[in-house]
Amino acid sequence: MVRLRVWESRASNHAQSLASPLDSTPQSGVTVFSPPRATIALSDNIDSSQTSPSAAGTSQGGSTAEQKRRSHIKNGFETLQSLVPALANNPTNKVSKAAMLTKTADFALKLKTERQQMQEEADLLQQEIDALNTAISTCQCQLPATGVPVTQQHSDQMKKMLHAYIKDRTNQNWKFYVFSQMATPLFDSFNGIVSTASIEELYRTTQLWLDQHCSLPALRPAVSNSLRTIGTETSILSDPQSFPEQARHAVNNLQSTSSQASNSSTQSGSDFHNINNGL
């Protein structure tokens, strides 16, 4: 017990020697202990050194995020300024962000309206295309299976062209007259059989014409008839020297006969047209 009291007394005296006179206020029988100021300052420095790195890191991270956000906003407005014509045409004029957004909205609305108009025009054009395709299909269905019939006037015109060609070539070389006498029946049969309604029809009817009129069994009698006609209507057998002049004379008469037939056909067509008008 005596040793315990002595230790308590020494501890109390030591505590009083460390305490500052300003920090201890003697009360009745109570001793207040205040730590030295150096100890308090040291603890404050320790606390501040422990908490400052985290606080500094948070502040720096927030500043970087804010800079990125502002950079994105700036880039976005620069892009708008380059895309919107009202802003791009006046790059030196300073425009507020609110005005830039307004002009951008107006430009977007204009583009939307133009796109709707173009879509409507495209729909109308597509409808016209569909209508034309339907009309073409209807017209093709109404055509004959073997093609459009050749009118008499068209046939006469083709014969007139053929006779003009025969005349020109015969005047250059009288031997062509012999070939023309054999080729004319083939031309007439070709003109009556071959159809030009389509590529497939042209191929089919041409093959049919070749099989019917250009095979050897069909050509032999046709050539024989042509040569027989030349032998009976000209002097090629009795006086071959005069045959070239007779050939030229024949093609000249053929051309004049073709012209008369064509004029007669044209006059008949005109008379028929006048009769229809009169009715």
Foldseek 3Di string as FASTA:
>chain_A
DVVVVVVVVVVVVVQVVQADPVVWDDDVVDTDGDHDPVVVVVVVVVVCVVPVVVVVVVVVVVVVVVVVVVVVVVVVLVVLLCPQVVNVVCVPDDDDPVVSVVSSVVSVVVVVVVVVVVVVVVVVVVVVVVVVVVVVVVVLVPADPLAHDDDPLNVLVVVLVVLVVLLVVCVVPVVVLLVCLLCVVLVVLCSVFAHVSDPVSNVVSVVVSCVPQVDPVNSVVSNVVSVVVCVVPDCCPPDVVCSSVVSNVVSVVVNVVSVVVSVVVVVVVVVVVVVVVVD
